[in-house]
C-alpha atoms as a PDB file:
ATOM      1  CA  MET A   1      49.569  91.710  90.152  1.00  0.00           C
ATOM      2  CA  PRO A   2      52.988  91.734  91.900  1.00  0.00           C
ATOM      3  CA  VAL A   3      53.967  88.626  89.899  1.00  0.00           C
ATOM      4  CA  ILE A   4      53.028  90.285  86.603  1.00  0.00           C
ATOM      5  CA  ALA A   5      54.936  93.414  87.575  1.00  0.00           C
ATOM      6  CA  PHE A   6      57.970  91.308  88.481  1.00  0.00           C
ATOM      7  CA  LEU A   7      57.884  89.440  85.173  1.00  0.00           C
ATOM      8  CA  LEU A   8      57.523  92.726  83.312  1.00  0.00           C
ATOM      9  CA  CYS A   9      60.582  94.088  85.114  1.00  0.00           C
ATOM     10  CA  VAL A  10      62.545  90.960  84.187  1.00  0.00           C
ATOM     11  CA  VAL A  11      61.618  91.377  80.519  1.00  0.00           C
ATOM     12  CA  ILE A  12      62.541  95.073  80.495  1.00  0.00           C
ATOM     13  CA  PHE A  13      65.831  94.360  82.277  1.00  0.00           C
ATOM     14  CA  SER A  14      66.689  91.628  79.748  1.00  0.00           C
ATOM     15  CA  VAL A  15      65.978  93.957  76.826  1.00  0.00           C
ATOM     16  CA  LEU A  16      68.190  96.655  78.344  1.00  0.00           C
ATOM     17  CA  ILE A  17      71.025  94.217  78.961  1.00  0.00           C
ATOM     18  CA  HIS A  18      70.776  92.994  75.359  1.00  0.00           C
ATOM     19  CA  ALA A  19      70.809  96.579  74.043  1.00  0.00           C
ATOM     20  CA  VAL A  20      73.873  97.491  76.106  1.00  0.00           C
ATOM     21  CA  SER A  21      75.765  94.353  75.127  1.00  0.00           C
ATOM     22  CA  LYS A  22      74.902  94.948  71.476  1.00  0.00           C
ATOM     23  CA  LYS A  23      76.092  98.540  71.692  1.00  0.00           C
ATOM     24  CA  LYS A  24      79.424  97.469  73.167  1.00  0.00           C
ATOM     25  CA  LYS A  25      79.974  94.733  70.620  1.00  0.00           C
ATOM     26  CA  PRO A  26      83.573  94.954  69.359  1.00  0.00           C
ATOM     27  CA  LEU A  27      83.963  96.485  65.919  1.00  0.00           C
ATOM     28  CA  ALA A  28      85.004  94.186  63.088  1.00  0.00           C
ATOM     29  CA  GLN A  29      88.761  93.713  62.756  1.00  0.00           C
ATOM     30  CA  PRO A  30      90.824  91.572  60.393  1.00  0.00           C
ATOM     31  CA  ALA A  31      92.821  88.711  61.884  1.00  0.00           C
ATOM     32  CA  ALA A  32      96.424  89.714  62.609  1.00  0.00           C
ATOM     33  CA  ASN A  33      97.890  87.538  59.844  1.00  0.00           C
ATOM     34  CA  ILE A  34      95.402  88.882  57.274  1.00  0.00           C
ATOM     35  CA  GLU A  35      96.106  92.469  58.332  1.00  0.00           C
ATOM     36  CA  LYS A  36      99.869  92.003  58.056  1.00  0.00           C
ATOM     37  CA  ASN A  37      99.568  90.318  54.665  1.00  0.00           C
ATOM     38  CA  ILE A  38      97.471  93.188  53.293  1.00  0.00           C
ATOM     39  CA  LEU A  39      99.926  95.774  54.617  1.00  0.00           C
ATOM     40  CA  GLU A  40     102.883  93.930  53.084  1.00  0.00           C
ATOM     41  CA  GLN A  41     101.183  93.713  49.695  1.00  0.00           C
ATOM     42  CA  GLU A  42      99.281  96.993  49.446  1.00  0.00           C
ATOM     43  CA  VAL A  43     100.866  99.739  51.582  1.00  0.00           C
ATOM     44  CA  PRO A  44     104.295 101.017  50.432  1.00  0.00           C
ATOM     45  CA  PHE A  45     104.668 103.237  53.518  1.00  0.00           C
ATOM     46  CA  TYR A  46     104.464 100.158  55.739  1.00  0.00           C
ATOM     47  CA  GLN A  47     106.795  98.149  53.506  1.00  0.00           C
ATOM     48  CA  LYS A  48     109.610 100.670  54.101  1.00  0.00           C
ATOM     49  CA  LEU A  49     109.388 100.531  57.899  1.00  0.00           C
ATOM     50  CA  SER A  50     111.766  98.634  60.164  1.00  0.00           C
ATOM     51  CA  VAL A  51     110.574  95.458  61.897  1.00  0.00           C
ATOM     52  CA  PHE A  52     109.986  97.391  65.125  1.00  0.00           C
ATOM     53  CA  GLU A  53     108.110 100.169  63.323  1.00  0.00           C
ATOM     54  CA  LYS A  54     105.923  97.635  61.516  1.00  0.00           C
ATOM     55  CA  VAL A  55     104.799  96.189  64.846  1.00  0.00           C
ATOM     56  CA  GLU A  56     103.997  99.707  66.064  1.00  0.00           C
ATOM     57  CA  PHE A  57     102.073 100.463  62.864  1.00  0.00           C
ATOM     58  CA  GLU A  58     100.018  97.279  63.238  1.00  0.00           C
ATOM     59  CA  LYS A  59      99.128  98.172  66.835  1.00  0.00           C
ATOM     60  CA  ARG A  60      98.056 101.662  65.808  1.00  0.00           C
ATOM     61  CA  ILE A  61      95.805 100.203  63.108  1.00  0.00           C
ATOM     62  CA  GLN A  62      94.143  97.901  65.647  1.00  0.00           C
ATOM     63  CA  VAL A  63      93.493 100.808  68.025  1.00  0.00           C
ATOM     64  CA  PHE A  64      91.953 102.824  65.201  1.00  0.00           C
ATOM     65  CA  LEU A  65      89.664  99.978  64.140  1.00  0.00           C
ATOM     66  CA  GLN A  66      88.562  99.442  67.735  1.00  0.00           C
ATOM     67  CA  LYS A  67      87.439 103.075  67.907  1.00  0.00           C
ATOM     68  CA  VAL A  68      86.116 103.869  64.426  1.00  0.00           C
ATOM     69  CA  ARG A  69      83.248 101.985  62.801  1.00  0.00           C
ATOM     70  CA  ILE A  70      83.469 101.350  59.045  1.00  0.00           C
ATOM     71  CA  THR A  71      80.068 100.957  57.393  1.00  0.00           C
ATOM     72  CA  GLY A  72      79.350 100.001  53.801  1.00  0.00           C
ATOM     73  CA  VAL A  73      76.693 101.967  51.908  1.00  0.00           C
ATOM     74  CA  GLU A  74      75.447  99.931  48.947  1.00  0.00           C
ATOM     75  CA  THR A  75      78.664  97.914  49.186  1.00  0.00           C
ATOM     76  CA  THR A  76      80.322  95.303  51.391  1.00  0.00           C
ATOM     77  CA  VAL A  77      83.211  96.267  53.664  1.00  0.00           C
ATOM     78  CA  GLU A  78      86.001  93.698  53.402  1.00  0.00           C
ATOM     79  CA  ASP A  79      89.180  93.244  55.421  1.00  0.00           C
ATOM     80  CA  LEU A  80      91.136  94.908  52.611  1.00  0.00           C
ATOM     81  CA  ASP A  81      89.011  98.047  52.965  1.00  0.00           C
ATOM     82  CA  ARG A  82      89.330  98.152  56.760  1.00  0.00           C
ATOM     83  CA  VAL A  83      93.111  97.842  56.639  1.00  0.00           C
ATOM     84  CA  LEU A  84      93.546 100.435  53.882  1.00  0.00           C
ATOM     85  CA  ILE A  85      91.318 102.963  55.667  1.00  0.00           C
ATOM     86  CA  ALA A  86      93.125 102.438  58.956  1.00  0.00           C
ATOM     87  CA  ALA A  87      96.510 102.680  57.218  1.00  0.00           C
ATOM     88  CA  SER A  88      95.425 105.971  55.633  1.00  0.00           C
ATOM     89  CA  ALA A  89      94.624 107.272  59.107  1.00  0.00           C
ATOM     90  CA  ILE A  90      97.897 106.179  60.703  1.00  0.00           C
ATOM     91  CA  ILE A  91     100.336 107.156  57.938  1.00  0.00           C
ATOM     92  CA  PRO A  92     100.180 110.953  58.479  1.00  0.00           C
ATOM     93  CA  ILE A  93     100.333 110.719  62.290  1.00  0.00           C
ATOM     94  CA  PHE A  94     102.723 107.777  62.635  1.00  0.00           C
ATOM     95  CA  ALA A  95     105.482 109.948  64.095  1.00  0.00           C
ATOM     96  CA  PHE A  96     103.101 111.128  66.832  1.00  0.00           C
ATOM     97  CA  LYS A  97     102.836 108.058  69.055  1.00  0.00           C
ATOM     98  CA  GLU A  98     100.129 109.426  71.353  1.00  0.00           C
ATOM     99  CA  TRP A  99      97.885 110.812  68.620  1.00  0.00           C
ATOM    100  CA  ILE A 100      94.320 109.499  68.607  1.00  0.00           C
ATOM    101  CA  TYR A 101      91.705 111.008  66.292  1.00  0.00           C
ATOM    102  CA  SER A 102      89.107 112.733  68.444  1.00  0.00           C
ATOM    103  CA  ASN A 103      86.978 114.033  65.563  1.00  0.00           C
ATOM    104  CA  ILE A 104      85.830 110.848  63.836  1.00  0.00           C
ATOM    105  CA  HIS A 105      83.752 107.865  64.950  1.00  0.00           C
ATOM    106  CA  GLU A 106      82.591 106.362  61.639  1.00  0.00           C
ATOM    107  CA  VAL A 107      83.694 105.985  58.021  1.00  0.00           C
ATOM    108  CA  LEU A 108      80.986 105.422  55.418  1.00  0.00           C
ATOM    109  CA  LEU A 109      82.320 103.467  52.456  1.00  0.00           C
ATOM    110  CA  TYR A 110      80.529 104.103  49.158  1.00  0.00           C
ATOM    111  CA  PRO A 111      81.075 101.805  46.157  1.00  0.00           C
ATOM    112  CA  SER A 112      82.439 104.571  43.926  1.00  0.00           C
ATOM    113  CA  ALA A 113      82.479 108.343  43.465  1.00  0.00           C
ATOM    114  CA  PHE A 114      79.486 110.327  44.743  1.00  0.00           C
ATOM    115  CA  ASN A 115      78.175 113.891  44.552  1.00  0.00           C
ATOM    116  CA  HIS A 116      77.858 116.599  47.199  1.00  0.00           C
ATOM    117  CA  GLU A 117      74.388 115.327  48.091  1.00  0.00           C
ATOM    118  CA  PHE A 118      75.975 111.932  48.902  1.00  0.00           C
ATOM    119  CA  GLU A 119      74.245 110.310  45.909  1.00  0.00           C
ATOM    120  CA  THR A 120      75.910 107.392  44.136  1.00  0.00           C
ATOM    121  CA  LYS A 121      73.853 107.684  40.967  1.00  0.00           C
ATOM    122  CA  GLY A 122      73.276 110.506  38.514  1.00  0.00           C
ATOM    123  CA  ASN A 123      75.444 113.350  37.312  1.00  0.00           C
ATOM    124  CA  GLU A 124      78.345 115.236  38.921  1.00  0.00           C
ATOM    125  CA  ARG A 125      79.563 112.236  40.876  1.00  0.00           C
ATOM    126  CA  ASN A 126      83.166 113.403  41.189  1.00  0.00           C
ATOM    127  CA  VAL A 127      83.713 113.311  44.959  1.00  0.00           C
ATOM    128  CA  LEU A 128      86.104 110.601  46.174  1.00  0.00           C
ATOM    129  CA  GLY A 129      86.192 111.560  49.835  1.00  0.00           C
ATOM    130  CA  MET A 130      84.613 113.989  52.257  1.00  0.00           C
ATOM    131  CA  VAL A 131      84.769 114.941  55.928  1.00  0.00           C
ATOM    132  CA  GLY A 132      81.267 115.633  57.178  1.00  0.00           C
ATOM    133  CA  ASN A 133      79.913 118.691  58.964  1.00  0.00           C
ATOM    134  CA  GLY A 134      76.630 119.479  60.702  1.00  0.00           C
ATOM    135  CA  THR A 135      74.540 116.313  60.919  1.00  0.00           C
ATOM    136  CA  MET A 136      77.479 114.427  59.381  1.00  0.00           C
ATOM    137  CA  GLN A 137      79.934 115.694  62.009  1.00  0.00           C
ATOM    138  CA  ASN A 138      82.621 113.138  62.970  1.00  0.00           C
ATOM    139  CA  ILE A 139      81.809 111.050  59.885  1.00  0.00           C
ATOM    140  CA  MET A 140      84.020 110.533  56.843  1.00  0.00           C
ATOM    141  CA  ILE A 141      82.823 109.276  53.473  1.00  0.00           C
ATOM    142  CA  LEU A 142      85.160 107.476  51.082  1.00  0.00           C
ATOM    143  CA  SER A 143      84.889 105.824  47.687  1.00  0.00           C
ATOM    144  CA  LYS A 144      85.780 102.133  47.871  1.00  0.00           C
ATOM    145  CA  GLU A 145      86.922 102.124  44.248  1.00  0.00           C
ATOM    146  CA  SER A 146      89.227 105.092  44.804  1.00  0.00           C
ATOM    147  CA  LEU A 147      90.531 103.720  48.115  1.00  0.00           C
ATOM    148  CA  ARG A 148      91.712 100.524  46.460  1.00  0.00           C
ATOM    149  CA  ASN A 149      92.987 102.136  43.268  1.00  0.00           C
ATOM    150  CA  ASP A 150      95.031 104.746  45.136  1.00  0.00           C
ATOM    151  CA  PHE A 151      96.988 102.066  46.992  1.00  0.00           C
ATOM    152  CA  SER A 152      97.372  99.673  44.051  1.00  0.00           C
ATOM    153  CA  ASN A 153      98.720 102.355  41.667  1.00  0.00           C
ATOM    154  CA  SER A 154     102.442 102.647  42.449  1.00  0.00           C
ATOM    155  CA  THR A 155     102.925 105.726  40.240  1.00  0.00           C
ATOM    156  CA  ASN A 156      99.996 107.674  41.638  1.00  0.00           C
ATOM    157  CA  LYS A 157     100.553 110.979  43.486  1.00  0.00           C
ATOM    158  CA  SER A 158      97.006 110.864  44.880  1.00  0.00           C
ATOM    159  CA  ASN A 159      95.372 109.167  47.828  1.00  0.00           C
ATOM    160  CA  ALA A 160      91.862 110.379  48.681  1.00  0.00           C
ATOM    161  CA  ALA A 161      91.763 108.644  52.077  1.00  0.00           C
ATOM    162  CA  ILE A 162      95.029 110.220  53.259  1.00  0.00           C
ATOM    163  CA  HIS A 163      93.696 113.539  51.907  1.00  0.00           C
ATOM    164  CA  GLU A 164      90.629 113.346  54.167  1.00  0.00           C
ATOM    165  CA  PHE A 165      92.556 112.288  57.261  1.00  0.00           C
ATOM    166  CA  VAL A 166      94.901 115.240  56.761  1.00  0.00           C
ATOM    167  CA  HIS A 167      91.804 117.457  56.826  1.00  0.00           C
ATOM    168  CA  LEU A 168      90.941 115.922  60.208  1.00  0.00           C
ATOM    169  CA  ILE A 169      94.462 116.631  61.459  1.00  0.00           C
ATOM    170  CA  ASP A 170      94.178 120.211  60.206  1.00  0.00           C
ATOM    171  CA  LYS A 171      90.784 120.495  61.901  1.00  0.00           C
ATOM    172  CA  ASP A 172      92.104 119.302  65.261  1.00  0.00           C
ATOM    173  CA  ASP A 173      93.291 122.784  66.284  1.00  0.00           C
ATOM    174  CA  GLY A 174      89.792 124.156  65.700  1.00  0.00           C
ATOM    175  CA  THR A 175      90.242 125.604  62.214  1.00  0.00           C
ATOM    176  CA  VAL A 176      90.578 123.942  58.818  1.00  0.00           C
ATOM    177  CA  ASP A 177      92.993 126.466  57.335  1.00  0.00           C
ATOM    178  CA  GLY A 178      95.927 124.516  55.927  1.00  0.00           C
ATOM    179  CA  CYS A 179      98.111 125.248  58.952  1.00  0.00           C
ATOM    180  CA  PRO A 180      97.983 122.260  61.353  1.00  0.00           C
ATOM    181  CA  LEU A 181      99.201 124.035  64.474  1.00  0.00           C
ATOM    182  CA  ASN A 182      99.062 120.877  66.604  1.00  0.00           C
ATOM    183  CA  LEU A 183     101.787 119.376  64.403  1.00  0.00           C
ATOM    184  CA  LEU A 184     103.596 122.346  62.885  1.00  0.00           C
ATOM    185  CA  PRO A 185     106.137 124.065  65.160  1.00  0.00           C
ATOM    186  CA  HIS A 186     105.255 127.757  65.464  1.00  0.00           C
ATOM    187  CA  LYS A 187     108.560 128.923  63.927  1.00  0.00           C
ATOM    188  CA  TYR A 188     107.664 127.151  60.677  1.00  0.00           C
ATOM    189  CA  ALA A 189     104.136 128.579  60.350  1.00  0.00           C
ATOM    190  CA  LEU A 190     105.063 131.675  58.335  1.00  0.00           C
ATOM    191  CA  PRO A 191     107.547 129.857  56.045  1.00  0.00           C
ATOM    192  CA  TRP A 192     104.870 127.217  55.475  1.00  0.00           C
ATOM    193  CA  LEU A 193     102.211 129.744  54.471  1.00  0.00           C
ATOM    194  CA  LYS A 194     104.703 131.532  52.202  1.00  0.00           C
ATOM    195  CA  CYS A 195     105.598 128.237  50.536  1.00  0.00           C
ATOM    196  CA  ILE A 196     101.912 127.368  50.047  1.00  0.00           C
ATOM    197  CA  HIS A 197     101.203 130.606  48.224  1.00  0.00           C
ATOM    198  CA  GLN A 198     104.311 130.288  46.048  1.00  0.00           C
ATOM    199  CA  GLU A 199     103.354 126.750  45.066  1.00  0.00           C
ATOM    200  CA  ILE A 200      99.729 127.728  44.390  1.00  0.00           C
ATOM    201  CA  LYS A 201     100.963 130.467  42.060  1.00  0.00           C
ATOM    202  CA  MET A 202     103.115 127.939  40.185  1.00  0.00           C
ATOM    203  CA  ILE A 203     100.126 125.597  39.822  1.00  0.00           C
ATOM    204  CA  GLU A 204      98.020 128.452  38.447  1.00  0.00           C
ATOM    205  CA  GLU A 205     100.780 129.236  35.960  1.00  0.00           C
ATOM    206  CA  ARG A 206     100.899 125.549  34.989  1.00  0.00           C
ATOM    207  CA  ARG A 207     104.486 125.230  36.151  1.00  0.00           C
ATOM    208  CA  SER A 208     103.804 122.525  38.728  1.00  0.00           C
ATOM    209  CA  ASP A 209     102.790 118.862  38.737  1.00  0.00           C
ATOM    210  CA  ILE A 210     100.827 119.272  41.985  1.00  0.00           C
ATOM    211  CA  ASN A 211      97.094 118.570  41.663  1.00  0.00           C
ATOM    212  CA  PRO A 212      95.357 121.834  40.594  1.00  0.00           C
ATOM    213  CA  TYR A 213      92.681 121.163  43.208  1.00  0.00           C
ATOM    214  CA  GLY A 214      95.250 122.449  45.664  1.00  0.00           C
ATOM    215  CA  THR A 215      94.590 125.997  44.434  1.00  0.00           C
ATOM    216  CA  THR A 216      91.088 125.901  45.976  1.00  0.00           C
ATOM    217  CA  ASN A 217      92.373 127.196  49.322  1.00  0.00           C
ATOM    218  CA  ASP A 218      95.200 126.649  51.817  1.00  0.00           C
ATOM    219  CA  ALA A 219      93.431 123.676  53.463  1.00  0.00           C
ATOM    220  CA  GLU A 220      93.041 121.839  50.161  1.00  0.00           C
ATOM    221  CA  PHE A 221      96.630 122.601  49.250  1.00  0.00           C
ATOM    222  CA  LEU A 222      97.824 121.001  52.490  1.00  0.00           C
ATOM    223  CA  ALA A 223      95.738 117.894  51.820  1.00  0.00           C
ATOM    224  CA  VAL A 224      96.770 117.598  48.168  1.00  0.00           C
ATOM    225  CA  ALA A 225     100.449 118.214  48.919  1.00  0.00           C
ATOM    226  CA  SER A 226     100.314 115.636  51.717  1.00  0.00           C
ATOM    227  CA  GLU A 227      98.989 113.019  49.300  1.00  0.00           C
ATOM    228  CA  TYR A 228     101.988 113.689  47.052  1.00  0.00           C
ATOM    229  CA  PHE A 229     104.387 113.670  50.036  1.00  0.00           C
ATOM    230  CA  PHE A 230     103.308 110.234  51.245  1.00  0.00           C
ATOM    231  CA  GLU A 231     102.665 108.616  47.863  1.00  0.00           C
ATOM    232  CA  GLN A 232     105.768 109.808  45.983  1.00  0.00           C
ATOM    233  CA  PRO A 233     108.233 111.230  48.550  1.00  0.00           C
ATOM    234  CA  GLN A 234     111.338 110.894  46.392  1.00  0.00           C
ATOM    235  CA  LEU A 235     109.705 112.613  43.435  1.00  0.00           C
ATOM    236  CA  MET A 236     108.464 115.474  45.617  1.00  0.00           C
ATOM    237  CA  GLN A 237     111.866 115.885  47.224  1.00  0.00           C
ATOM    238  CA  ARG A 238     113.407 116.229  43.763  1.00  0.00           C
ATOM    239  CA  LYS A 239     110.761 118.499  42.209  1.00  0.00           C
ATOM    240  CA  HIS A 240     109.638 120.486  45.256  1.00  0.00           C
ATOM    241  CA  PRO A 241     112.542 120.436  47.760  1.00  0.00           C
ATOM    242  CA  GLU A 242     111.335 123.340  49.925  1.00  0.00           C
ATOM    243  CA  LEU A 243     107.784 122.043  50.095  1.00  0.00           C
ATOM    244  CA  TYR A 244     109.080 118.569  50.919  1.00  0.00           C
ATOM    245  CA  ARG A 245     111.331 119.926  53.671  1.00  0.00           C
ATOM    246  CA  LEU A 246     108.449 121.784  55.330  1.00  0.00           C
ATOM    247  CA  LEU A 247     106.070 118.833  55.101  1.00  0.00           C
ATOM    248  CA  GLU A 248     108.777 116.736  56.710  1.00  0.00           C
ATOM    249  CA  LYS A 249     108.790 119.248  59.591  1.00  0.00           C
ATOM    250  CA  VAL A 250     105.011 118.821  59.863  1.00  0.00           C
ATOM    251  CA  PHE A 251     104.746 115.033  59.756  1.00  0.00           C
ATOM    252  CA  PHE A 252     108.200 113.896  60.895  1.00  0.00           C
ATOM    253  CA  PRO A 253     109.646 116.500  63.267  1.00  0.00           C
ATOM    254  CA  ALA A 254     112.515 114.160  64.170  1.00  0.00           C
ATOM    255  CA  PRO A 255     114.678 113.810  61.015  1.00  0.00           C
ATOM    256  CA  GLU A 256     115.711 110.264  61.884  1.00  0.00           C
ATOM    257  CA  ALA A 257     112.037 109.178  61.976  1.00  0.00           C
ATOM    258  CA  TYR A 258     111.706 109.149  58.216  1.00  0.00           C
END
């Protein structure tokens, strides 16, 4: 009987060790040369950085991919997808060297647009990205098709992945309200809110080229405007100088950083 008990303990111990080792298995990451090649070809933000900044950006991407799992749902996750998702996360917080996302542990990658019930087939599939709540807390869902198209289209003012990561940044102070207090200096809070409402009014009057989805609420305006800011900074600076200046205060508090 003691021998059987001993063998049983050995088996149980082996199973536990296997489970722990499996749980701690490193998350998939592209090789450094593949990652750099993708960034050079697909990510304009990275292309404009100095040599030193590029090295920093690459390190930040690696840290993100070590922490956040990327899982394909009815699709295969490739190195291109991993790098583009990680780049979308780092772009809006690049000026904040110590920033680590505390409110996400997994990104679910769907093949294309989905609906609010997370279905990839049927009608009303117009969602390109979403930050989960409730049972989906700390999970982001993105469309693979949109992710790739947003980076490959050089004239696009939209980027659904950046949009969703800006929501996470906004959420970090406890409230998704379009005023990211952990980034925005307090003295700019009121000017920022005033600018939001002025720009929303212009969108409603069809006197703005900002995505009309930004009129949904202040949080969506922040996310939509941030897409524009990072995708077409020169165009925004020319067409929306005040909005551009305030977003620069949010994402690049040191003028020389941009």
